[in-house]
C-alpha atoms as a PDB file:
ATOM      1  CA  MET A   1      -8.783 -29.102  17.636  1.00  0.00           C
ATOM      2  CA  SER A   2     -10.633 -25.891  18.119  1.00  0.00           C
ATOM      3  CA  ALA A   3      -9.571 -22.767  15.936  1.00  0.00           C
ATOM      4  CA  LYS A   4      -8.187 -21.024  19.088  1.00  0.00           C
ATOM      5  CA  THR A   5      -6.058 -23.941  19.784  1.00  0.00           C
ATOM      6  CA  SER A   6      -4.869 -24.271  16.174  1.00  0.00           C
ATOM      7  CA  LEU A   7      -3.856 -20.576  16.318  1.00  0.00           C
ATOM      8  CA  GLU A   8      -2.122 -21.005  19.616  1.00  0.00           C
ATOM      9  CA  ASP A   9      -0.051 -23.752  18.094  1.00  0.00           C
ATOM     10  CA  GLN A  10       0.437 -21.587  14.809  1.00  0.00           C
ATOM     11  CA  VAL A  11       1.619 -18.722  17.072  1.00  0.00           C
ATOM     12  CA  PHE A  12       3.891 -20.972  19.140  1.00  0.00           C
ATOM     13  CA  ALA A  13       5.499 -22.553  16.064  1.00  0.00           C
ATOM     14  CA  LEU A  14       6.207 -18.983  14.539  1.00  0.00           C
ATOM     15  CA  VAL A  15       8.143 -18.177  17.370  1.00  0.00           C
ATOM     16  CA  ALA A  16       9.781 -21.329  18.487  1.00  0.00           C
ATOM     17  CA  THR A  17      13.158 -20.764  16.499  1.00  0.00           C
ATOM     18  CA  PRO A  18      13.514 -17.422  14.832  1.00  0.00           C
ATOM     19  CA  PRO A  19      14.469 -17.609  10.983  1.00  0.00           C
ATOM     20  CA  GLU A  20      17.884 -17.166   9.792  1.00  0.00           C
ATOM     21  CA  SER A  21      18.498 -13.828   8.134  1.00  0.00           C
ATOM     22  CA  THR A  22      20.507 -13.263   4.596  1.00  0.00           C
ATOM     23  CA  GLN A  23      21.107  -9.660   6.091  1.00  0.00           C
ATOM     24  CA  ARG A  24      24.203  -8.663   7.853  1.00  0.00           C
ATOM     25  CA  LEU A  25      25.291  -5.959  10.213  1.00  0.00           C
ATOM     26  CA  SER A  26      24.935  -2.524   8.219  1.00  0.00           C
ATOM     27  CA  GLU A  27      26.830   0.489   8.512  1.00  0.00           C
ATOM     28  CA  ALA A  28      23.348   2.499   8.009  1.00  0.00           C
ATOM     29  CA  PRO A  29      21.225   0.014   9.848  1.00  0.00           C
ATOM     30  CA  ARG A  30      18.038   2.404   9.798  1.00  0.00           C
ATOM     31  CA  ALA A  31      18.081   3.052   6.234  1.00  0.00           C
ATOM     32  CA  ALA A  32      18.828  -0.638   5.421  1.00  0.00           C
ATOM     33  CA  ALA A  33      15.862  -1.657   7.565  1.00  0.00           C
ATOM     34  CA  GLU A  34      13.451   1.148   6.165  1.00  0.00           C
ATOM     35  CA  ARG A  35      13.931  -0.611   2.781  1.00  0.00           C
ATOM     36  CA  ALA A  36      13.526  -4.088   4.191  1.00  0.00           C
ATOM     37  CA  ILE A  37      10.263  -2.823   5.999  1.00  0.00           C
ATOM     38  CA  GLU A  38       8.874  -1.141   2.705  1.00  0.00           C
ATOM     39  CA  GLY A  39       9.538  -4.507   0.778  1.00  0.00           C
ATOM     40  CA  ALA A  40       7.852  -6.643   3.538  1.00  0.00           C
ATOM     41  CA  ALA A  41       4.917  -4.278   4.030  1.00  0.00           C
ATOM     42  CA  ALA A  42       4.246  -4.488   0.175  1.00  0.00           C
ATOM     43  CA  ARG A  43       4.651  -8.312  -0.029  1.00  0.00           C
ATOM     44  CA  ALA A  44       2.334  -8.877   2.923  1.00  0.00           C
ATOM     45  CA  ALA A  45      -0.079  -6.246   1.478  1.00  0.00           C
ATOM     46  CA  LEU A  46      -0.110  -8.333  -2.039  1.00  0.00           C
ATOM     47  CA  VAL A  47      -0.246 -11.801  -0.431  1.00  0.00           C
ATOM     48  CA  ALA A  48      -3.229 -10.603   1.920  1.00  0.00           C
ATOM     49  CA  GLY A  49      -5.083  -9.029  -0.872  1.00  0.00           C
ATOM     50  CA  ALA A  50      -4.821 -11.939  -3.088  1.00  0.00           C
ATOM     51  CA  PHE A  51      -6.048 -14.516  -0.334  1.00  0.00           C
ATOM     52  CA  ALA A  52      -8.799 -12.185   0.470  1.00  0.00           C
ATOM     53  CA  LEU A  53     -10.177 -12.210  -3.356  1.00  0.00           C
ATOM     54  CA  PRO A  54     -12.202 -15.611  -2.962  1.00  0.00           C
ATOM     55  CA  PRO A  55     -15.697 -14.831  -2.133  1.00  0.00           C
ATOM     56  CA  GLY A  56     -18.174 -16.331   0.503  1.00  0.00           C
ATOM     57  CA  PRO A  57     -17.508 -19.756   1.795  1.00  0.00           C
ATOM     58  CA  LEU A  58     -14.628 -20.269  -0.312  1.00  0.00           C
ATOM     59  CA  GLY A  59     -12.972 -17.137   1.024  1.00  0.00           C
ATOM     60  CA  TRP A  60     -13.393 -18.600   4.496  1.00  0.00           C
ATOM     61  CA  LEU A  61     -10.966 -21.131   3.895  1.00  0.00           C
ATOM     62  CA  THR A  62      -8.225 -18.493   3.159  1.00  0.00           C
ATOM     63  CA  VAL A  63      -8.162 -16.639   6.318  1.00  0.00           C
ATOM     64  CA  ALA A  64      -5.943 -18.823   8.185  1.00  0.00           C
ATOM     65  CA  PRO A  65      -3.351 -19.213   5.353  1.00  0.00           C
ATOM     66  CA  GLU A  66      -3.589 -15.511   4.557  1.00  0.00           C
ATOM     67  CA  MET A  67      -2.800 -14.781   8.356  1.00  0.00           C
ATOM     68  CA  LEU A  68       0.001 -17.371   8.411  1.00  0.00           C
ATOM     69  CA  THR A  69       1.565 -16.107   5.492  1.00  0.00           C
ATOM     70  CA  VAL A  70       1.744 -12.653   6.558  1.00  0.00           C
ATOM     71  CA  TRP A  71       3.096 -13.682   9.827  1.00  0.00           C
ATOM     72  CA  ARG A  72       5.890 -15.582   8.122  1.00  0.00           C
ATOM     73  CA  ILE A  73       6.885 -12.403   6.151  1.00  0.00           C
ATOM     74  CA  GLN A  74       6.666 -10.311   9.254  1.00  0.00           C
ATOM     75  CA  ARG A  75       8.814 -12.664  11.208  1.00  0.00           C
ATOM     76  CA  GLN A  76      11.559 -12.736   8.436  1.00  0.00           C
ATOM     77  CA  LEU A  77      11.274  -9.069   8.815  1.00  0.00           C
ATOM     78  CA  VAL A  78      11.989  -9.202  12.428  1.00  0.00           C
ATOM     79  CA  ALA A  79      15.145 -11.229  11.937  1.00  0.00           C
ATOM     80  CA  ASP A  80      16.348  -9.190   9.087  1.00  0.00           C
ATOM     81  CA  ILE A  81      15.991  -5.986  11.387  1.00  0.00           C
ATOM     82  CA  ALA A  82      17.794  -7.820  14.191  1.00  0.00           C
ATOM     83  CA  ALA A  83      20.684  -8.704  11.450  1.00  0.00           C
ATOM     84  CA  LEU A  84      20.957  -5.156  10.163  1.00  0.00           C
ATOM     85  CA  TYR A  85      21.473  -3.890  13.761  1.00  0.00           C
ATOM     86  CA  GLY A  86      23.984  -6.954  14.743  1.00  0.00           C
ATOM     87  CA  ARG A  87      21.623  -8.412  17.319  1.00  0.00           C
ATOM     88  CA  SER A  88      20.686 -11.655  15.868  1.00  0.00           C
ATOM     89  CA  ALA A  89      21.998 -13.404  18.853  1.00  0.00           C
ATOM     90  CA  GLU A  90      19.505 -11.686  20.924  1.00  0.00           C
ATOM     91  CA  LEU A  91      16.352 -12.829  18.914  1.00  0.00           C
ATOM     92  CA  GLY A  92      14.623 -15.442  20.806  1.00  0.00           C
ATOM     93  CA  GLN A  93      11.174 -16.678  21.456  1.00  0.00           C
ATOM     94  CA  ALA A  94      10.160 -13.805  23.834  1.00  0.00           C
ATOM     95  CA  GLN A  95      11.555 -10.821  21.498  1.00  0.00           C
ATOM     96  CA  MET A  96       9.827 -12.289  18.514  1.00  0.00           C
ATOM     97  CA  LEU A  97       6.524 -12.700  20.345  1.00  0.00           C
ATOM     98  CA  TYR A  98       7.010  -9.048  21.440  1.00  0.00           C
ATOM     99  CA  CYS A  99       7.655  -7.750  17.909  1.00  0.00           C
ATOM    100  CA  LEU A 100       4.941  -9.826  16.111  1.00  0.00           C
ATOM    101  CA  PHE A 101       1.971  -9.258  18.371  1.00  0.00           C
ATOM    102  CA  ARG A 102       2.868  -6.124  20.691  1.00  0.00           C
ATOM    103  CA  HIS A 103       0.585  -3.983  18.831  1.00  0.00           C
ATOM    104  CA  THR A 104      -2.092  -6.448  18.595  1.00  0.00           C
ATOM    105  CA  ALA A 105      -2.073  -8.255  21.757  1.00  0.00           C
ATOM    106  CA  ALA A 106      -0.276  -5.764  24.180  1.00  0.00           C
ATOM    107  CA  GLN A 107      -1.984  -6.996  27.405  1.00  0.00           C
ATOM    108  CA  ALA A 108      -1.030 -10.699  26.624  1.00  0.00           C
ATOM    109  CA  LEU A 109       2.556  -9.796  26.289  1.00  0.00           C
ATOM    110  CA  ARG A 110       2.959  -7.477  29.249  1.00  0.00           C
ATOM    111  CA  ASP A 111       4.936 -10.075  31.433  1.00  0.00           C
ATOM    112  CA  LEU A 112       7.641 -10.471  28.621  1.00  0.00           C
ATOM    113  CA  SER A 113       9.193  -7.212  28.540  1.00  0.00           C
ATOM    114  CA  VAL A 114       9.312  -3.565  29.951  1.00  0.00           C
ATOM    115  CA  ARG A 115      10.858  -0.387  28.875  1.00  0.00           C
ATOM    116  CA  VAL A 116      13.060   1.557  31.596  1.00  0.00           C
ATOM    117  CA  GLY A 117      14.327   4.625  29.985  1.00  0.00           C
ATOM    118  CA  GLU A 118      16.001   3.928  26.910  1.00  0.00           C
ATOM    119  CA  ARG A 119      16.562   0.434  27.677  1.00  0.00           C
ATOM    120  CA  VAL A 120      13.999  -2.572  27.039  1.00  0.00           C
ATOM    121  CA  LEU A 121      14.316  -5.109  29.812  1.00  0.00           C
ATOM    122  CA  VAL A 122      13.419  -8.480  28.283  1.00  0.00           C
ATOM    123  CA  ARG A 123      12.497 -11.452  30.874  1.00  0.00           C
ATOM    124  CA  PRO A 124      13.498 -14.886  30.150  1.00  0.00           C
ATOM    125  CA  ALA A 125      10.513 -16.871  29.142  1.00  0.00           C
ATOM    126  CA  THR A 126      10.158 -20.381  30.087  1.00  0.00           C
ATOM    127  CA  ALA A 127       8.517 -22.866  27.501  1.00  0.00           C
ATOM    128  CA  ALA A 128       5.227 -22.432  29.962  1.00  0.00           C
ATOM    129  CA  VAL A 129       5.091 -18.690  29.780  1.00  0.00           C
ATOM    130  CA  ILE A 130       5.772 -18.725  26.083  1.00  0.00           C
ATOM    131  CA  GLN A 131       2.752 -21.407  25.504  1.00  0.00           C
ATOM    132  CA  ARG A 132       0.681 -19.398  28.066  1.00  0.00           C
ATOM    133  CA  VAL A 133       1.261 -15.920  26.078  1.00  0.00           C
ATOM    134  CA  ALA A 134       0.755 -17.965  22.737  1.00  0.00           C
ATOM    135  CA  ARG A 135      -2.652 -19.023  24.001  1.00  0.00           C
ATOM    136  CA  ALA A 136      -3.608 -15.473  24.961  1.00  0.00           C
ATOM    137  CA  VAL A 137      -2.237 -14.079  21.481  1.00  0.00           C
ATOM    138  CA  GLY A 138      -4.160 -17.108  19.656  1.00  0.00           C
ATOM    139  CA  VAL A 139      -7.602 -16.090  21.353  1.00  0.00           C
ATOM    140  CA  HIS A 140      -7.126 -12.343  20.430  1.00  0.00           C
ATOM    141  CA  LEU A 141      -6.179 -13.607  16.764  1.00  0.00           C
ATOM    142  CA  GLY A 142      -9.089 -15.939  16.674  1.00  0.00           C
ATOM    143  CA  GLN A 143     -11.490 -12.723  17.110  1.00  0.00           C
ATOM    144  CA  GLN A 144      -9.352 -11.167  14.427  1.00  0.00           C
ATOM    145  CA  ALA A 145      -9.796 -13.864  12.037  1.00  0.00           C
ATOM    146  CA  ALA A 146     -13.641 -13.958  12.630  1.00  0.00           C
ATOM    147  CA  GLY A 147     -13.615 -10.069  11.473  1.00  0.00           C
ATOM    148  CA  ARG A 148     -11.431 -11.011   8.433  1.00  0.00           C
ATOM    149  CA  ALA A 149     -13.998 -13.741   7.337  1.00  0.00           C
ATOM    150  CA  LEU A 150     -16.660 -11.042   7.121  1.00  0.00           C
ATOM    151  CA  THR A 151     -14.445  -9.388   4.609  1.00  0.00           C
ATOM    152  CA  ARG A 152     -14.861 -12.396   2.226  1.00  0.00           C
ATOM    153  CA  TRP A 153     -18.607 -11.332   1.733  1.00  0.00           C
ATOM    154  CA  MET A 154     -17.491  -8.273  -0.715  1.00  0.00           C
ATOM    155  CA  PRO A 155     -14.405  -9.754  -2.436  1.00  0.00           C
ATOM    156  CA  LEU A 156     -13.034  -6.360  -3.772  1.00  0.00           C
ATOM    157  CA  ILE A 157     -13.624  -3.956  -1.166  1.00  0.00           C
ATOM    158  CA  GLY A 158     -12.697  -6.818   1.475  1.00  0.00           C
ATOM    159  CA  ALA A 159      -9.239  -7.623  -0.567  1.00  0.00           C
ATOM    160  CA  ALA A 160      -8.517  -3.850  -0.579  1.00  0.00           C
ATOM    161  CA  GLY A 161      -9.039  -3.559   3.102  1.00  0.00           C
ATOM    162  CA  VAL A 162      -7.292  -6.592   4.040  1.00  0.00           C
ATOM    163  CA  SER A 163      -4.244  -5.660   1.884  1.00  0.00           C
ATOM    164  CA  ALA A 164      -4.090  -2.143   3.449  1.00  0.00           C
ATOM    165  CA  TYR A 165      -4.303  -3.727   7.088  1.00  0.00           C
ATOM    166  CA  ALA A 166      -1.618  -6.158   6.150  1.00  0.00           C
ATOM    167  CA  TYR A 167       0.525  -3.183   5.131  1.00  0.00           C
ATOM    168  CA  TYR A 168      -0.166  -1.187   8.295  1.00  0.00           C
ATOM    169  CA  ASP A 169       0.317  -4.550  10.511  1.00  0.00           C
ATOM    170  CA  THR A 170       3.750  -5.160   8.867  1.00  0.00           C
ATOM    171  CA  ARG A 171       4.681  -1.398   9.699  1.00  0.00           C
ATOM    172  CA  GLN A 172       3.815  -1.852  13.174  1.00  0.00           C
ATOM    173  CA  VAL A 173       5.490  -5.168  13.558  1.00  0.00           C
ATOM    174  CA  ALA A 174       8.728  -3.268  12.346  1.00  0.00           C
ATOM    175  CA  ARG A 175       8.054  -0.394  14.634  1.00  0.00           C
ATOM    176  CA  ALA A 176       8.212  -2.903  17.404  1.00  0.00           C
ATOM    177  CA  ALA A 177      11.505  -4.265  16.033  1.00  0.00           C
ATOM    178  CA  LEU A 178      13.107  -1.147  15.527  1.00  0.00           C
ATOM    179  CA  ALA A 179      12.217  -0.140  19.025  1.00  0.00           C
ATOM    180  CA  LEU A 180      13.772  -3.308  20.437  1.00  0.00           C
ATOM    181  CA  PHE A 181      16.807  -3.485  18.338  1.00  0.00           C
ATOM    182  CA  GLU A 182      17.878   0.042  18.348  1.00  0.00           C
ATOM    183  CA  ARG A 183      18.159   0.613  21.897  1.00  0.00           C
ATOM    184  CA  GLU A 184      20.233  -1.308  24.397  1.00  0.00           C
ATOM    185  CA  GLN A 185      18.193  -4.525  25.447  1.00  0.00           C
ATOM    186  CA  VAL A 186      18.837  -6.062  28.826  1.00  0.00           C
ATOM    187  CA  ILE A 187      18.063  -9.710  29.112  1.00  0.00           C
ATOM    188  CA  ASP A 188      16.966 -10.412  32.731  1.00  0.00           C
ATOM    189  CA  ASN A 189      18.582 -13.550  34.271  1.00  0.00           C
ATOM    190  CA  PRO A 190      17.019 -14.012  37.831  1.00  0.00           C
ATOM    191  CA  VAL A 191      19.419 -15.291  40.324  1.00  0.00           C
END
């Protein structure tokens, strides 16, 4: 199994079933979401930085676990934001893919949703479409992983950079989730 296929499988597994949230509908969802975002971004930065500390070839072994752990934190954040806005029932595979990878693999996600004015039109995605998108995202993320492997040659500087990127990346995921759940979302059911 190649690294790209493995990443594809990991991406598909991440979005296959959205996680349950312990959050509930909030009277002030934006403020509650901002607190959740800050906590998740800090956790992601800490985890990514810790995984990036081992130097050289040993550090290469930590790239995939680091990425998966950060994605799990981000995935939970998306579920929590949906719950805070009372929109958990609308959170499916397409929405999860959109939120997690929109900012890093926008071209791969163009078939899942489109913004029309203040609405976000989310097209239903068959398993084949989700698999195709997961494959495209996996290819893109494989390239990112190669770049991250280079940071393992300078452990302290690399760890700081990886940590900062995980913080930024988590905030970008949150921006996508907020954009999706703060606005009216239309789930397109073709006749």
